[in-house]
Amino acid sequence: MTFIDFKKLLLDAELTIPKFTALIKVSEKNIQSYKKKKEVPNAIAACAACFAKMNQEGIDYKELINDLELTKKEKKGAGFSAKKDKD
């Protein structure tokens, strides 16, 4: 699915990219990176399509997703700004 089609589905689901990423607990930067690639992965496209259809049918998909108690994955690694323990 193209990124443009993905954004149209988000509009149909009454979601913005920040709201979508908060709902499914992924990094907004991650989703925005698909803009450069001009397409989104199948799983992300499927989520957006389901949300759009459920919204059209009057199903409160946000409550269903929140009930899953998804957790955001945090990057593991020191990074440049992390302070390392010195023994």
C-alpha atoms as a PDB file:
ATOM      1  CA  MET A   1       0.000   0.000   0.000  1.00  0.00           C
ATOM      2  CA  THR A   2       1.282   3.457  -0.823  1.00  0.00           C
ATOM      3  CA  PHE A   3       1.865   5.959   1.939  1.00  0.00           C
ATOM      4  CA  ILE A   4      -0.770   8.229   0.355  1.00  0.00           C
ATOM      5  CA  ASP A   5      -3.378   5.449   0.471  1.00  0.00           C
ATOM      6  CA  PHE A   6      -2.378   4.776   4.078  1.00  0.00           C
ATOM      7  CA  LYS A   7      -2.970   8.426   5.010  1.00  0.00           C
ATOM      8  CA  LYS A   8      -6.395   8.310   3.305  1.00  0.00           C
ATOM      9  CA  LEU A   9      -7.330   5.310   5.437  1.00  0.00           C
ATOM     10  CA  LEU A  10      -6.245   7.168   8.549  1.00  0.00           C
ATOM     11  CA  LEU A  11      -8.561  10.023   7.558  1.00  0.00           C
ATOM     12  CA  ASP A  12     -11.392   7.509   7.126  1.00  0.00           C
ATOM     13  CA  ALA A  13     -10.579   6.185  10.602  1.00  0.00           C
ATOM     14  CA  GLU A  14     -10.534   9.765  11.941  1.00  0.00           C
ATOM     15  CA  LEU A  15      -6.900   9.405  12.989  1.00  0.00           C
ATOM     16  CA  THR A  16      -3.758  11.445  12.503  1.00  0.00           C
ATOM     17  CA  ILE A  17      -0.343   9.816  12.332  1.00  0.00           C
ATOM     18  CA  PRO A  18       0.462  10.839  15.941  1.00  0.00           C
ATOM     19  CA  LYS A  19      -2.858   9.417  17.168  1.00  0.00           C
ATOM     20  CA  PHE A  20      -2.360   6.220  15.136  1.00  0.00           C
ATOM     21  CA  THR A  21       1.142   5.668  16.524  1.00  0.00           C
ATOM     22  CA  ALA A  22      -0.031   6.334  20.080  1.00  0.00           C
ATOM     23  CA  LEU A  23      -2.883   3.873  19.645  1.00  0.00           C
ATOM     24  CA  ILE A  24      -0.762   1.000  18.319  1.00  0.00           C
ATOM     25  CA  LYS A  25       2.260   1.927  20.472  1.00  0.00           C
ATOM     26  CA  VAL A  26       4.866   2.440  17.773  1.00  0.00           C
ATOM     27  CA  SER A  27       7.251   5.291  17.176  1.00  0.00           C
ATOM     28  CA  GLU A  28       5.911   8.154  15.081  1.00  0.00           C
ATOM     29  CA  LYS A  29       9.380   8.385  13.536  1.00  0.00           C
ATOM     30  CA  ASN A  30       9.021   4.762  12.428  1.00  0.00           C
ATOM     31  CA  ILE A  31       5.751   5.446  10.589  1.00  0.00           C
ATOM     32  CA  GLN A  32       7.067   8.702   9.101  1.00  0.00           C
ATOM     33  CA  SER A  33      10.037   6.783   7.669  1.00  0.00           C
ATOM     34  CA  TYR A  34       7.625   4.955   5.354  1.00  0.00           C
ATOM     35  CA  LYS A  35       6.864   8.279   3.704  1.00  0.00           C
ATOM     36  CA  LYS A  36      10.339   8.248   2.137  1.00  0.00           C
ATOM     37  CA  LYS A  37       9.881   4.643   1.001  1.00  0.00           C
ATOM     38  CA  LYS A  38       6.455   5.622  -0.407  1.00  0.00           C
ATOM     39  CA  GLU A  39       4.831   2.462   0.931  1.00  0.00           C
ATOM     40  CA  VAL A  40       3.881   0.951   4.263  1.00  0.00           C
ATOM     41  CA  PRO A  41       4.327  -2.634   5.482  1.00  0.00           C
ATOM     42  CA  ASN A  42       1.399  -5.006   5.132  1.00  0.00           C
ATOM     43  CA  ALA A  43       0.700  -5.188   8.871  1.00  0.00           C
ATOM     44  CA  ILE A  44       0.469  -1.391   9.204  1.00  0.00           C
ATOM     45  CA  ALA A  45      -1.719  -1.187   6.089  1.00  0.00           C
ATOM     46  CA  ALA A  46      -4.012  -3.907   7.460  1.00  0.00           C
ATOM     47  CA  CYS A  47      -4.379  -2.067  10.781  1.00  0.00           C
ATOM     48  CA  ALA A  48      -5.282   1.179   9.048  1.00  0.00           C
ATOM     49  CA  ALA A  49      -7.792  -0.562   6.748  1.00  0.00           C
ATOM     50  CA  CYS A  50      -9.456  -2.322   9.681  1.00  0.00           C
ATOM     51  CA  PHE A  51      -9.646   0.883  11.708  1.00  0.00           C
ATOM     52  CA  ALA A  52     -11.209   2.726   8.751  1.00  0.00           C
ATOM     53  CA  LYS A  53     -13.805  -0.024   8.196  1.00  0.00           C
ATOM     54  CA  MET A  54     -14.645  -0.302  11.886  1.00  0.00           C
ATOM     55  CA  ASN A  55     -15.054   3.460  12.126  1.00  0.00           C
ATOM     56  CA  GLN A  56     -17.362   3.370   9.095  1.00  0.00           C
ATOM     57  CA  GLU A  57     -19.424   0.636  10.788  1.00  0.00           C
ATOM     58  CA  GLY A  58     -19.610   2.586  14.053  1.00  0.00           C
ATOM     59  CA  ILE A  59     -17.396   0.186  16.011  1.00  0.00           C
ATOM     60  CA  ASP A  60     -15.294   1.735  18.760  1.00  0.00           C
ATOM     61  CA  TYR A  61     -11.976   0.260  17.633  1.00  0.00           C
ATOM     62  CA  LYS A  62      -9.969   2.570  19.925  1.00  0.00           C
ATOM     63  CA  GLU A  63     -11.441   0.912  22.996  1.00  0.00           C
ATOM     64  CA  LEU A  64     -10.776  -2.539  21.516  1.00  0.00           C
ATOM     65  CA  ILE A  65      -7.119  -1.666  20.885  1.00  0.00           C
ATOM     66  CA  ASN A  66      -6.683  -0.040  24.304  1.00  0.00           C
ATOM     67  CA  ASP A  67      -8.077  -3.192  25.937  1.00  0.00           C
ATOM     68  CA  LEU A  68      -5.137  -5.122  24.439  1.00  0.00           C
ATOM     69  CA  GLU A  69      -2.813  -3.170  26.759  1.00  0.00           C
ATOM     70  CA  LEU A  70      -0.108  -2.921  24.113  1.00  0.00           C
ATOM     71  CA  THR A  71       3.293  -1.714  25.280  1.00  0.00           C
ATOM     72  CA  LYS A  72       5.677   0.441  23.365  1.00  0.00           C
ATOM     73  CA  LYS A  73       8.974  -1.235  22.564  1.00  0.00           C
ATOM     74  CA  GLU A  74      11.940   0.818  23.728  1.00  0.00           C
ATOM     75  CA  LYS A  75      15.258   0.731  21.937  1.00  0.00           C
ATOM     76  CA  LYS A  76      17.917  -1.173  23.770  1.00  0.00           C
ATOM     77  CA  GLY A  77      21.397   0.221  23.533  1.00  0.00           C
ATOM     78  CA  ALA A  78      23.519   2.920  25.011  1.00  0.00           C
ATOM     79  CA  GLY A  79      23.080   5.594  22.408  1.00  0.00           C
ATOM     80  CA  PHE A  80      25.292   8.644  22.243  1.00  0.00           C
ATOM     81  CA  SER A  81      23.805  10.552  25.158  1.00  0.00           C
ATOM     82  CA  ALA A  82      23.530   7.708  27.642  1.00  0.00           C
ATOM     83  CA  LYS A  83      25.965   7.713  30.516  1.00  0.00           C
ATOM     84  CA  LYS A  84      27.777   4.451  30.988  1.00  0.00           C
ATOM     85  CA  ASP A  85      28.534   3.108  34.441  1.00  0.00           C
ATOM     86  CA  LYS A  86      32.194   3.414  35.280  1.00  0.00           C
ATOM     87  CA  ASP A  87      33.489   0.848  37.731  1.00  0.00           C
END
